[in-house]
Amino acid sequence: LMRALRGCRGRGIVVGTVTLCLAAGWALQTPGGVSLVVPQPNINATVAQNILLSVEYSCRGVATIEWKHVSSWGTTKIVEWRSGNYVNISMVYKDRVTTFENGSIQLLNVGMRDAGYYFITVTEEYGTNTYGTIIVNVYEIIYEDLHFVAVLFAFLAAVSAILICFMWLCNKSLHLFQKKTTHKLTASTTEEIELETIEC
């Protein structure tokens, strides 16, 4: 009985090893399998900046890459291409997108509407696919606001300087007018005194 058990166990190990080798060989022979790496899943950008939506995919067959943008304004297909073949860029992004062989895209001159989620789908010719997501935040350029405040401050300072000059001129004119009036009064008072003296 012990010999029989040892024989079965030995055959089981051999059969298991052969099965494992056959399965590994079949897996290597079978086409399919896509992997995708997204090194920077969150990107912060400012208006008018160029951004790189960086990914790296690998697969055994020919892959089709598709990028979509999802935001509060809706879903827009950006670009789709087949490795080593055609590139189909949406009209909205025609002059703003550059594609790369590793699946990455570059967006030129981003605006506030470019904020949102960017989805990449890599589909292998045998039907296997994988997905990735990058979140893009776009901010207004702060120095534009500061520039506006600086210009407004300079304008108000100039208006204040003009008003101060105007008030100074008015004050000078008033003093000159008062001196002339005082001088005339003094002259007429002197004449009256002289006349009174002559009459006496």
N, C-alpha and C. Protein backbone atom coordinates (compact mmCIF):
# COMPACT_ATOMS: atom_id res chain seq x y z
N LEU A 1 0.82 -1.19 0.00
CA LEU A 1 0.00 0.00 0.00
C LEU A 1 0.87 1.26 0.00
N MET A 2 1.94 1.25 0.82
CA MET A 2 2.85 2.38 0.89
C MET A 2 3.54 2.60 -0.44
N ARG A 3 3.95 1.51 -1.09
CA ARG A 3 4.58 1.64 -2.41
C ARG A 3 3.62 2.27 -3.40
N ALA A 4 2.36 1.87 -3.35
CA ALA A 4 1.34 2.39 -4.27
C ALA A 4 1.16 3.89 -4.06
N LEU A 5 1.13 4.32 -2.76
CA LEU A 5 0.97 5.74 -2.46
C LEU A 5 2.17 6.55 -2.95
N ARG A 6 3.37 6.01 -2.73
CA ARG A 6 4.56 6.70 -3.19
C ARG A 6 4.56 6.83 -4.71
N GLY A 7 4.13 5.80 -5.38
CA GLY A 7 4.07 5.82 -6.84
C GLY A 7 3.08 6.85 -7.34
N CYS A 8 1.93 6.95 -6.68
CA CYS A 8 0.90 7.94 -7.07
C CYS A 8 1.40 9.35 -6.84
N ARG A 9 2.06 9.52 -5.66
CA ARG A 9 2.56 10.85 -5.34
C ARG A 9 3.62 11.28 -6.35
N GLY A 10 4.49 10.37 -6.73
CA GLY A 10 5.53 10.67 -7.72
C GLY A 10 4.93 11.01 -9.06
N ARG A 11 3.92 10.21 -9.48
CA ARG A 11 3.26 10.49 -10.76
C ARG A 11 2.52 11.83 -10.70
N GLY A 12 1.91 12.15 -9.55
CA GLY A 12 1.18 13.41 -9.37
C GLY A 12 2.11 14.61 -9.52
N ILE A 13 3.29 14.50 -8.96
CA ILE A 13 4.26 15.60 -9.07
C ILE A 13 4.68 15.76 -10.51
N VAL A 14 4.93 14.66 -11.20
CA VAL A 14 5.34 14.71 -12.61
C VAL A 14 4.22 15.29 -13.46
N VAL A 15 3.00 14.81 -13.24
CA VAL A 15 1.85 15.31 -14.02
C VAL A 15 1.63 16.80 -13.72
N GLY A 16 1.74 17.21 -12.45
CA GLY A 16 1.57 18.62 -12.07
C GLY A 16 2.63 19.50 -12.73
N THR A 17 3.87 19.03 -12.73
CA THR A 17 4.96 19.80 -13.35
C THR A 17 4.74 19.92 -14.85
N VAL A 18 4.35 18.84 -15.48
CA VAL A 18 4.11 18.87 -16.94
C VAL A 18 2.94 19.80 -17.25
N THR A 19 1.88 19.73 -16.45
CA THR A 19 0.72 20.60 -16.65
C THR A 19 1.11 22.07 -16.50
N LEU A 20 1.91 22.36 -15.47
CA LEU A 20 2.36 23.73 -15.23
C LEU A 20 3.20 24.24 -16.40
N CYS A 21 4.09 23.39 -16.91
CA CYS A 21 4.92 23.79 -18.06
C CYS A 21 4.07 24.03 -19.29
N LEU A 22 3.10 23.14 -19.52
CA LEU A 22 2.21 23.31 -20.67
C LEU A 22 1.39 24.59 -20.56
N ALA A 23 0.88 24.88 -19.35
CA ALA A 23 0.10 26.11 -19.14
C ALA A 23 0.96 27.35 -19.37
N ALA A 24 2.19 27.33 -18.88
CA ALA A 24 3.09 28.48 -19.07
C ALA A 24 3.40 28.65 -20.55
N GLY A 25 3.65 27.53 -21.24
CA GLY A 25 3.91 27.62 -22.68
C GLY A 25 2.70 28.13 -23.44
N TRP A 26 1.51 27.68 -23.05
CA TRP A 26 0.29 28.15 -23.71
C TRP A 26 0.09 29.65 -23.47
N ALA A 27 0.37 30.11 -22.23
CA ALA A 27 0.23 31.54 -21.91
C ALA A 27 1.20 32.37 -22.73
N LEU A 28 2.40 31.87 -22.92
CA LEU A 28 3.38 32.62 -23.71
C LEU A 28 3.02 32.62 -25.19
N GLN A 29 2.39 31.52 -25.65
CA GLN A 29 1.99 31.43 -27.06
C GLN A 29 0.75 32.27 -27.35
N THR A 30 -0.13 32.37 -26.37
CA THR A 30 -1.41 33.06 -26.58
C THR A 30 -1.19 34.56 -26.64
N PRO A 31 -1.67 35.19 -27.72
CA PRO A 31 -1.53 36.63 -27.80
C PRO A 31 -2.45 37.30 -26.79
N GLY A 32 -2.11 38.53 -26.39
CA GLY A 32 -2.95 39.27 -25.46
C GLY A 32 -2.15 39.80 -24.30
N GLY A 33 -2.78 40.68 -23.55
CA GLY A 33 -2.14 41.24 -22.37
C GLY A 33 -1.63 42.64 -22.65
N VAL A 34 -2.22 43.62 -21.98
CA VAL A 34 -1.82 45.02 -22.13
C VAL A 34 -1.52 45.55 -20.74
N SER A 35 -0.42 46.28 -20.62
CA SER A 35 -0.14 46.95 -19.35
C SER A 35 0.00 48.45 -19.61
N LEU A 36 -0.40 49.24 -18.61
CA LEU A 36 -0.37 50.70 -18.74
C LEU A 36 0.10 51.30 -17.43
N VAL A 37 1.06 52.22 -17.53
CA VAL A 37 1.56 52.91 -16.34
C VAL A 37 1.28 54.41 -16.50
N VAL A 38 0.69 55.02 -15.47
CA VAL A 38 0.44 56.47 -15.45
C VAL A 38 1.30 57.06 -14.33
N PRO A 39 2.47 57.60 -14.67
CA PRO A 39 3.38 58.08 -13.62
C PRO A 39 2.89 59.31 -12.86
N GLN A 40 2.10 60.17 -13.51
CA GLN A 40 1.62 61.39 -12.84
C GLN A 40 0.11 61.49 -13.04
N PRO A 41 -0.69 60.91 -12.10
CA PRO A 41 -2.14 60.90 -12.28
C PRO A 41 -2.84 62.21 -11.97
N ASN A 42 -2.10 63.20 -11.43
CA ASN A 42 -2.70 64.49 -11.09
C ASN A 42 -1.76 65.61 -11.56
N ILE A 43 -2.27 66.51 -12.41
CA ILE A 43 -1.45 67.58 -12.98
C ILE A 43 -2.09 68.93 -12.66
N ASN A 44 -1.27 69.85 -12.14
CA ASN A 44 -1.71 71.23 -11.92
C ASN A 44 -1.06 72.11 -12.97
N ALA A 45 -1.86 72.94 -13.62
CA ALA A 45 -1.34 73.81 -14.69
C ALA A 45 -1.97 75.18 -14.57
N THR A 46 -1.33 76.17 -15.21
CA THR A 46 -1.91 77.51 -15.28
C THR A 46 -2.34 77.79 -16.71
N VAL A 47 -3.19 78.77 -16.87
CA VAL A 47 -3.73 79.12 -18.19
C VAL A 47 -2.58 79.43 -19.14
N ALA A 48 -2.71 78.98 -20.39
CA ALA A 48 -1.75 79.19 -21.49
C ALA A 48 -0.50 78.33 -21.38
N GLN A 49 -0.46 77.40 -20.44
CA GLN A 49 0.68 76.51 -20.29
C GLN A 49 0.51 75.28 -21.19
N ASN A 50 1.61 74.63 -21.56
CA ASN A 50 1.58 73.35 -22.28
C ASN A 50 1.75 72.24 -21.25
N ILE A 51 0.93 71.18 -21.37
CA ILE A 51 1.05 70.08 -20.40
C ILE A 51 1.23 68.75 -21.12
N LEU A 52 1.95 67.84 -20.47
CA LEU A 52 2.19 66.51 -21.00
C LEU A 52 1.41 65.51 -20.18
N LEU A 53 0.48 64.80 -20.84
CA LEU A 53 -0.26 63.72 -20.19
C LEU A 53 0.54 62.45 -20.46
N SER A 54 1.40 62.11 -19.51
CA SER A 54 2.40 61.07 -19.71
C SER A 54 1.89 59.70 -19.29
N VAL A 55 2.04 58.72 -20.20
CA VAL A 55 1.72 57.31 -19.91
C VAL A 55 2.77 56.45 -20.59
N GLU A 56 2.75 55.18 -20.25
CA GLU A 56 3.64 54.21 -20.90
C GLU A 56 2.88 52.90 -20.98
N TYR A 57 2.63 52.41 -22.21
CA TYR A 57 1.91 51.14 -22.35
C TYR A 57 2.82 50.11 -23.00
N SER A 58 2.47 48.85 -22.81
CA SER A 58 3.17 47.77 -23.50
C SER A 58 2.17 46.66 -23.79
N CYS A 59 2.34 46.03 -24.94
CA CYS A 59 1.48 44.90 -25.31
C CYS A 59 2.20 44.08 -26.38
N ARG A 60 1.70 42.86 -26.61
CA ARG A 60 2.36 41.98 -27.59
C ARG A 60 1.96 42.32 -29.02
N GLY A 61 0.71 42.72 -29.20
CA GLY A 61 0.23 43.00 -30.55
C GLY A 61 0.21 44.48 -30.87
N VAL A 62 -0.54 44.83 -31.91
CA VAL A 62 -0.71 46.23 -32.30
C VAL A 62 -1.82 46.81 -31.43
N ALA A 63 -1.59 48.00 -30.89
CA ALA A 63 -2.56 48.60 -29.97
C ALA A 63 -3.22 49.83 -30.58
N THR A 64 -4.45 50.08 -30.16
CA THR A 64 -5.17 51.31 -30.49
C THR A 64 -5.27 52.14 -29.21
N ILE A 65 -4.86 53.40 -29.31
CA ILE A 65 -4.87 54.30 -28.15
C ILE A 65 -5.95 55.34 -28.37
N GLU A 66 -6.76 55.57 -27.34
CA GLU A 66 -7.82 56.57 -27.42
C GLU A 66 -7.80 57.43 -26.15
N TRP A 67 -7.86 58.75 -26.33
CA TRP A 67 -7.93 59.70 -25.22
C TRP A 67 -9.27 60.42 -25.26
N LYS A 68 -9.89 60.57 -24.08
CA LYS A 68 -11.14 61.33 -23.94
C LYS A 68 -11.00 62.31 -22.79
N HIS A 69 -11.71 63.43 -22.90
CA HIS A 69 -11.72 64.45 -21.85
C HIS A 69 -13.14 64.54 -21.30
N VAL A 70 -13.27 64.42 -19.98
CA VAL A 70 -14.57 64.50 -19.32
C VAL A 70 -14.52 65.65 -18.32
N SER A 71 -15.46 66.60 -18.48
CA SER A 71 -15.53 67.74 -17.56
C SER A 71 -17.00 68.11 -17.37
N SER A 72 -17.24 69.22 -16.68
CA SER A 72 -18.61 69.67 -16.46
C SER A 72 -19.28 70.10 -17.76
N TRP A 73 -18.47 70.35 -18.81
CA TRP A 73 -19.03 70.73 -20.13
C TRP A 73 -19.37 69.52 -20.98
N GLY A 74 -19.03 68.31 -20.52
CA GLY A 74 -19.36 67.10 -21.27
C GLY A 74 -18.14 66.25 -21.56
N THR A 75 -18.34 65.26 -22.43
CA THR A 75 -17.27 64.33 -22.81
C THR A 75 -16.85 64.61 -24.24
N THR A 76 -15.53 64.73 -24.46
CA THR A 76 -15.00 65.00 -25.79
C THR A 76 -13.91 63.99 -26.11
N LYS A 77 -14.03 63.39 -27.29
CA LYS A 77 -12.96 62.51 -27.75
C LYS A 77 -11.85 63.39 -28.30
N ILE A 78 -10.64 63.21 -27.79
CA ILE A 78 -9.51 64.05 -28.19
C ILE A 78 -8.81 63.47 -29.40
N VAL A 79 -8.34 62.23 -29.26
CA VAL A 79 -7.53 61.62 -30.32
C VAL A 79 -7.62 60.10 -30.22
N GLU A 80 -7.45 59.47 -31.36
CA GLU A 80 -7.37 58.00 -31.41
C GLU A 80 -6.35 57.64 -32.48
N TRP A 81 -5.49 56.70 -32.17
CA TRP A 81 -4.52 56.24 -33.18
C TRP A 81 -4.11 54.81 -32.93
N ARG A 82 -3.63 54.19 -33.98
CA ARG A 82 -3.13 52.82 -33.94
C ARG A 82 -1.62 52.88 -34.05
N SER A 83 -0.93 52.17 -33.20
CA SER A 83 0.54 52.25 -33.19
C SER A 83 1.09 51.93 -34.57
N GLY A 84 1.87 52.89 -35.08
CA GLY A 84 2.48 52.73 -36.40
C GLY A 84 1.52 53.01 -37.55
N ASN A 85 0.34 53.56 -37.27
CA ASN A 85 -0.65 53.78 -38.32
C ASN A 85 -1.24 55.18 -38.25
N TYR A 86 -2.56 55.27 -38.53
CA TYR A 86 -3.24 56.56 -38.63
C TYR A 86 -3.37 57.26 -37.28
N VAL A 87 -3.57 58.57 -37.33
CA VAL A 87 -3.88 59.37 -36.14
C VAL A 87 -5.13 60.18 -36.46
N ASN A 88 -6.15 60.04 -35.63
CA ASN A 88 -7.42 60.75 -35.84
C ASN A 88 -7.63 61.72 -34.68
N ILE A 89 -7.37 63.01 -34.93
CA ILE A 89 -7.50 64.04 -33.89
C ILE A 89 -8.83 64.77 -34.08
N SER A 90 -9.54 64.98 -32.98
CA SER A 90 -10.80 65.71 -33.01
C SER A 90 -10.58 67.14 -33.49
N MET A 91 -11.56 67.71 -34.20
CA MET A 91 -11.45 69.08 -34.74
C MET A 91 -11.20 70.10 -33.63
N VAL A 92 -11.79 69.88 -32.46
CA VAL A 92 -11.64 70.82 -31.34
C VAL A 92 -10.17 70.92 -30.90
N TYR A 93 -9.44 69.81 -31.05
CA TYR A 93 -8.05 69.76 -30.59
C TYR A 93 -7.04 69.73 -31.73
N LYS A 94 -7.48 70.02 -32.95
CA LYS A 94 -6.66 69.83 -34.15
C LYS A 94 -5.25 70.42 -34.05
N ASP A 95 -5.12 71.66 -33.64
CA ASP A 95 -3.80 72.31 -33.58
C ASP A 95 -3.21 72.34 -32.18
N ARG A 96 -3.81 71.58 -31.26
CA ARG A 96 -3.37 71.67 -29.86
C ARG A 96 -2.85 70.37 -29.29
N VAL A 97 -2.84 69.30 -30.07
CA VAL A 97 -2.44 67.99 -29.52
C VAL A 97 -1.28 67.41 -30.30
N THR A 98 -0.31 66.88 -29.54
CA THR A 98 0.81 66.13 -30.12
C THR A 98 0.77 64.73 -29.52
N THR A 99 0.88 63.70 -30.36
CA THR A 99 0.85 62.31 -29.86
C THR A 99 2.26 61.73 -29.84
N PHE A 100 2.46 60.76 -28.95
CA PHE A 100 3.74 60.09 -28.81
C PHE A 100 3.55 58.58 -28.89
N GLU A 101 4.58 57.87 -29.32
CA GLU A 101 4.51 56.42 -29.52
C GLU A 101 4.18 55.65 -28.24
N ASN A 102 4.59 56.18 -27.09
CA ASN A 102 4.33 55.46 -25.84
C ASN A 102 2.89 55.65 -25.33
N GLY A 103 2.06 56.42 -26.09
CA GLY A 103 0.67 56.63 -25.71
C GLY A 103 0.41 57.99 -25.08
N SER A 104 1.47 58.73 -24.77
CA SER A 104 1.31 60.05 -24.15
C SER A 104 0.82 61.06 -25.17
N ILE A 105 0.20 62.14 -24.67
CA ILE A 105 -0.17 63.27 -25.52
C ILE A 105 0.25 64.56 -24.84
N GLN A 106 0.49 65.58 -25.65
CA GLN A 106 0.78 66.91 -25.11
C GLN A 106 -0.33 67.86 -25.55
N LEU A 107 -0.85 68.61 -24.58
CA LEU A 107 -1.87 69.63 -24.86
C LEU A 107 -1.21 70.99 -24.82
N LEU A 108 -1.41 71.77 -25.88
CA LEU A 108 -0.81 73.10 -25.96
C LEU A 108 -1.80 74.17 -25.54
N ASN A 109 -1.29 75.19 -24.87
CA ASN A 109 -2.06 76.40 -24.56
C ASN A 109 -3.38 76.07 -23.84
N VAL A 110 -3.29 75.44 -22.67
CA VAL A 110 -4.50 75.02 -21.96
C VAL A 110 -5.28 76.22 -21.43
N GLY A 111 -6.59 76.03 -21.34
CA GLY A 111 -7.48 77.05 -20.79
C GLY A 111 -8.28 76.45 -19.65
N MET A 112 -9.16 77.25 -19.08
CA MET A 112 -9.97 76.79 -17.95
C MET A 112 -10.85 75.60 -18.34
N ARG A 113 -11.29 75.56 -19.60
CA ARG A 113 -12.16 74.48 -20.05
C ARG A 113 -11.42 73.15 -20.18
N ASP A 114 -10.08 73.19 -20.14
CA ASP A 114 -9.30 71.95 -20.25
C ASP A 114 -9.17 71.22 -18.92
N ALA A 115 -9.65 71.81 -17.84
CA ALA A 115 -9.63 71.13 -16.54
C ALA A 115 -10.59 69.95 -16.59
N GLY A 116 -10.27 68.91 -15.84
CA GLY A 116 -11.16 67.75 -15.78
C GLY A 116 -10.41 66.44 -15.79
N TYR A 117 -11.10 65.39 -16.21
CA TYR A 117 -10.55 64.03 -16.23
C TYR A 117 -10.17 63.64 -17.65
N TYR A 118 -8.99 63.06 -17.79
CA TYR A 118 -8.53 62.57 -19.09
C TYR A 118 -8.40 61.06 -18.99
N PHE A 119 -9.17 60.36 -19.85
CA PHE A 119 -9.19 58.90 -19.83
C PHE A 119 -8.46 58.36 -21.06
N ILE A 120 -7.55 57.43 -20.82
CA ILE A 120 -6.87 56.74 -21.93
C ILE A 120 -7.32 55.28 -21.92
N THR A 121 -7.62 54.78 -23.13
CA THR A 121 -7.95 53.37 -23.31
C THR A 121 -6.97 52.79 -24.31
N VAL A 122 -6.27 51.74 -23.91
CA VAL A 122 -5.35 51.04 -24.81
C VAL A 122 -5.96 49.68 -25.10
N THR A 123 -6.29 49.45 -26.38
CA THR A 123 -6.93 48.21 -26.79
C THR A 123 -6.00 47.45 -27.73
N GLU A 124 -5.69 46.21 -27.38
CA GLU A 124 -4.84 45.39 -28.23
C GLU A 124 -5.69 44.77 -29.33
N GLU A 125 -5.05 44.43 -30.42
CA GLU A 125 -5.79 43.90 -31.58
C GLU A 125 -6.55 42.62 -31.25
N TYR A 126 -6.16 41.90 -30.20
CA TYR A 126 -6.83 40.65 -29.85
C TYR A 126 -7.98 40.88 -28.87
N GLY A 127 -8.27 42.14 -28.57
CA GLY A 127 -9.44 42.45 -27.74
C GLY A 127 -9.15 42.82 -26.30
N THR A 128 -7.94 42.60 -25.85
CA THR A 128 -7.60 42.96 -24.47
C THR A 128 -7.43 44.47 -24.37
N ASN A 129 -7.94 45.05 -23.29
CA ASN A 129 -7.74 46.50 -23.12
C ASN A 129 -7.47 46.86 -21.67
N THR A 130 -6.96 48.08 -21.49
CA THR A 130 -6.70 48.60 -20.16
C THR A 130 -6.97 50.10 -20.15
N TYR A 131 -7.18 50.65 -18.97
CA TYR A 131 -7.59 52.05 -18.85
C TYR A 131 -6.68 52.81 -17.88
N GLY A 132 -6.63 54.12 -18.07
CA GLY A 132 -5.89 54.98 -17.16
C GLY A 132 -6.59 56.34 -17.07
N THR A 133 -6.37 57.04 -15.97
CA THR A 133 -7.01 58.34 -15.74
C THR A 133 -5.98 59.35 -15.24
N ILE A 134 -6.07 60.57 -15.77
CA ILE A 134 -5.25 61.68 -15.29
C ILE A 134 -6.19 62.85 -14.99
N ILE A 135 -6.04 63.43 -13.81
CA ILE A 135 -6.85 64.60 -13.42
C ILE A 135 -6.03 65.85 -13.67
N VAL A 136 -6.61 66.80 -14.40
CA VAL A 136 -5.91 68.06 -14.70
C VAL A 136 -6.66 69.22 -14.05
N ASN A 137 -5.94 70.00 -13.25
CA ASN A 137 -6.48 71.22 -12.64
C ASN A 137 -5.83 72.41 -13.33
N VAL A 138 -6.64 73.36 -13.80
CA VAL A 138 -6.11 74.55 -14.48
C VAL A 138 -6.49 75.78 -13.66
N TYR A 139 -5.49 76.62 -13.38
CA TYR A 139 -5.71 77.81 -12.56
C TYR A 139 -5.42 79.07 -13.36
N GLU A 140 -6.11 80.15 -12.97
CA GLU A 140 -5.83 81.46 -13.56
C GLU A 140 -4.44 81.90 -13.14
N ILE A 141 -3.78 82.71 -13.96
CA ILE A 141 -2.46 83.21 -13.61
C ILE A 141 -2.63 84.32 -12.59
N ILE A 142 -2.00 84.17 -11.43
CA ILE A 142 -2.21 85.11 -10.32
C ILE A 142 -1.66 86.50 -10.65
N TYR A 143 -0.50 86.54 -11.35
CA TYR A 143 0.11 87.85 -11.57
C TYR A 143 -0.74 88.75 -12.45
N GLU A 144 -1.67 88.21 -13.21
CA GLU A 144 -2.58 89.05 -14.00
C GLU A 144 -3.46 89.88 -13.06
N ASP A 145 -3.93 89.26 -11.98
CA ASP A 145 -4.74 89.98 -11.00
C ASP A 145 -3.90 91.05 -10.31
N LEU A 146 -2.66 90.69 -9.96
CA LEU A 146 -1.78 91.67 -9.33
C LEU A 146 -1.46 92.81 -10.28
N HIS A 147 -1.31 92.48 -11.56
CA HIS A 147 -1.04 93.50 -12.57
C HIS A 147 -2.20 94.49 -12.63
N PHE A 148 -3.42 93.96 -12.61
CA PHE A 148 -4.61 94.82 -12.64
C PHE A 148 -4.64 95.74 -11.42
N VAL A 149 -4.35 95.19 -10.24
CA VAL A 149 -4.34 95.99 -9.01
C VAL A 149 -3.26 97.07 -9.10
N ALA A 150 -2.07 96.70 -9.63
CA ALA A 150 -0.97 97.68 -9.75
C ALA A 150 -1.36 98.81 -10.70
N VAL A 151 -1.98 98.46 -11.82
CA VAL A 151 -2.40 99.49 -12.79
C VAL A 151 -3.46 100.39 -12.18
N LEU A 152 -4.42 99.80 -11.48
CA LEU A 152 -5.46 100.59 -10.82
C LEU A 152 -4.86 101.53 -9.77
N PHE A 153 -3.91 101.02 -8.98
CA PHE A 153 -3.26 101.84 -7.96
C PHE A 153 -2.50 102.99 -8.61
N ALA A 154 -1.79 102.73 -9.73
CA ALA A 154 -1.04 103.79 -10.43
C ALA A 154 -2.00 104.84 -10.97
N PHE A 155 -3.14 104.40 -11.51
CA PHE A 155 -4.13 105.33 -12.04
C PHE A 155 -4.69 106.22 -10.93
N LEU A 156 -5.03 105.61 -9.79
CA LEU A 156 -5.56 106.39 -8.67
C LEU A 156 -4.52 107.36 -8.12
N ALA A 157 -3.25 106.92 -8.09
CA ALA A 157 -2.17 107.81 -7.63
C ALA A 157 -2.02 109.00 -8.57
N ALA A 158 -2.12 108.76 -9.89
CA ALA A 158 -2.01 109.85 -10.86
C ALA A 158 -3.17 110.83 -10.71
N VAL A 159 -4.39 110.31 -10.54
CA VAL A 159 -5.56 111.18 -10.35
C VAL A 159 -5.40 112.00 -9.07
N SER A 160 -4.91 111.36 -8.00
CA SER A 160 -4.68 112.08 -6.74
C SER A 160 -3.67 113.20 -6.92
N ALA A 161 -2.57 112.91 -7.64
CA ALA A 161 -1.53 113.93 -7.87
C ALA A 161 -2.10 115.12 -8.65
N ILE A 162 -2.92 114.83 -9.66
CA ILE A 162 -3.54 115.91 -10.45
C ILE A 162 -4.46 116.76 -9.57
N LEU A 163 -5.26 116.10 -8.73
CA LEU A 163 -6.16 116.83 -7.83
C LEU A 163 -5.39 117.70 -6.83
N ILE A 164 -4.29 117.16 -6.32
CA ILE A 164 -3.47 117.93 -5.38
C ILE A 164 -2.89 119.17 -6.08
N CYS A 165 -2.38 119.00 -7.31
CA CYS A 165 -1.86 120.14 -8.09
C CYS A 165 -2.95 121.18 -8.34
N PHE A 166 -4.15 120.70 -8.68
CA PHE A 166 -5.27 121.60 -8.94
C PHE A 166 -5.64 122.39 -7.68
N MET A 167 -5.66 121.69 -6.55
CA MET A 167 -5.98 122.37 -5.28
C MET A 167 -4.89 123.39 -4.93
N TRP A 168 -3.63 123.06 -5.18
CA TRP A 168 -2.54 123.99 -4.91
C TRP A 168 -2.67 125.24 -5.77
N LEU A 169 -2.99 125.06 -7.07
CA LEU A 169 -3.19 126.21 -7.98
C LEU A 169 -4.37 127.07 -7.52
N CYS A 170 -5.45 126.42 -7.11
CA CYS A 170 -6.62 127.18 -6.62
C CYS A 170 -6.25 127.98 -5.38
N ASN A 171 -5.48 127.36 -4.48
CA ASN A 171 -5.06 128.05 -3.26
C ASN A 171 -4.18 129.25 -3.58
N LYS A 172 -3.23 129.08 -4.52
CA LYS A 172 -2.35 130.18 -4.94
C LYS A 172 -3.16 131.32 -5.55
N SER A 173 -4.11 130.95 -6.42
CA SER A 173 -4.95 131.96 -7.06
C SER A 173 -5.76 132.73 -6.01
N LEU A 174 -6.28 132.02 -5.03
CA LEU A 174 -7.06 132.66 -3.97
C LEU A 174 -6.19 133.64 -3.18
N HIS A 175 -4.95 133.24 -2.86
CA HIS A 175 -4.04 134.15 -2.14
C HIS A 175 -3.74 135.40 -2.96
N LEU A 176 -3.48 135.22 -4.26
CA LEU A 176 -3.21 136.37 -5.12
C LEU A 176 -4.41 137.31 -5.17
N PHE A 177 -5.61 136.73 -5.28
CA PHE A 177 -6.83 137.52 -5.32
C PHE A 177 -7.01 138.29 -4.01
N GLN A 178 -6.76 137.62 -2.89
CA GLN A 178 -6.90 138.29 -1.57
C GLN A 178 -5.88 139.42 -1.43
N LYS A 179 -4.64 139.23 -1.90
CA LYS A 179 -3.62 140.28 -1.80
C LYS A 179 -4.04 141.50 -2.61
N LYS A 180 -4.54 141.26 -3.84
CA LYS A 180 -4.97 142.39 -4.68
C LYS A 180 -6.12 143.14 -4.02
N THR A 181 -7.08 142.41 -3.46
CA THR A 181 -8.23 143.03 -2.80
C THR A 181 -7.77 143.83 -1.59
N THR A 182 -6.87 143.27 -0.80
CA THR A 182 -6.35 143.97 0.37
C THR A 182 -5.59 145.21 -0.04
N HIS A 183 -4.79 145.11 -1.10
CA HIS A 183 -4.02 146.25 -1.59
C HIS A 183 -4.96 147.38 -2.06
N LYS A 184 -6.04 147.02 -2.76
CA LYS A 184 -7.01 148.02 -3.23
C LYS A 184 -7.70 148.68 -2.06
N LEU A 185 -8.06 147.86 -1.05
CA LEU A 185 -8.72 148.41 0.14
C LEU A 185 -7.79 149.39 0.86
N THR A 186 -6.55 149.00 0.99
CA THR A 186 -5.57 149.87 1.66
C THR A 186 -5.41 151.17 0.88
N ALA A 187 -5.33 151.06 -0.43
CA ALA A 187 -5.17 152.26 -1.27
C ALA A 187 -6.39 153.16 -1.14
N SER A 188 -7.61 152.60 -1.19
CA SER A 188 -8.82 153.44 -1.09
C SER A 188 -8.96 154.04 0.30
N THR A 189 -8.56 153.31 1.35
CA THR A 189 -8.59 153.86 2.72
C THR A 189 -7.60 155.00 2.86
N THR A 190 -6.44 154.84 2.28
CA THR A 190 -5.43 155.92 2.32
C THR A 190 -5.94 157.14 1.60
N GLU A 191 -6.57 156.95 0.45
CA GLU A 191 -7.12 158.10 -0.30
C GLU A 191 -8.17 158.81 0.53
N GLU A 192 -9.04 158.06 1.23
CA GLU A 192 -10.09 158.67 2.05
C GLU A 192 -9.47 159.49 3.18
N ILE A 193 -8.44 158.95 3.79
CA ILE A 193 -7.79 159.66 4.89
C ILE A 193 -7.16 160.95 4.37
N GLU A 194 -6.51 160.84 3.21
CA GLU A 194 -5.88 162.04 2.62
C GLU A 194 -6.95 163.09 2.30
N LEU A 195 -8.08 162.66 1.72
CA LEU A 195 -9.15 163.58 1.39
C LEU A 195 -9.70 164.25 2.64
N GLU A 196 -9.89 163.48 3.71
CA GLU A 196 -10.41 164.04 4.95
C GLU A 196 -9.41 165.09 5.51
N THR A 197 -8.13 164.76 5.40
CA THR A 197 -7.11 165.68 5.88
C THR A 197 -7.14 166.97 5.08
N ILE A 198 -7.28 166.85 3.77
CA ILE A 198 -7.31 168.06 2.92
C ILE A 198 -8.54 168.89 3.24
N GLU A 199 -9.67 168.26 3.47
CA GLU A 199 -10.92 169.00 3.76
C GLU A 199 -10.78 169.78 5.06
N CYS A 200 -10.10 169.19 5.99
CA CYS A 200 -9.94 169.88 7.26
C CYS A 200 -9.05 171.08 7.05
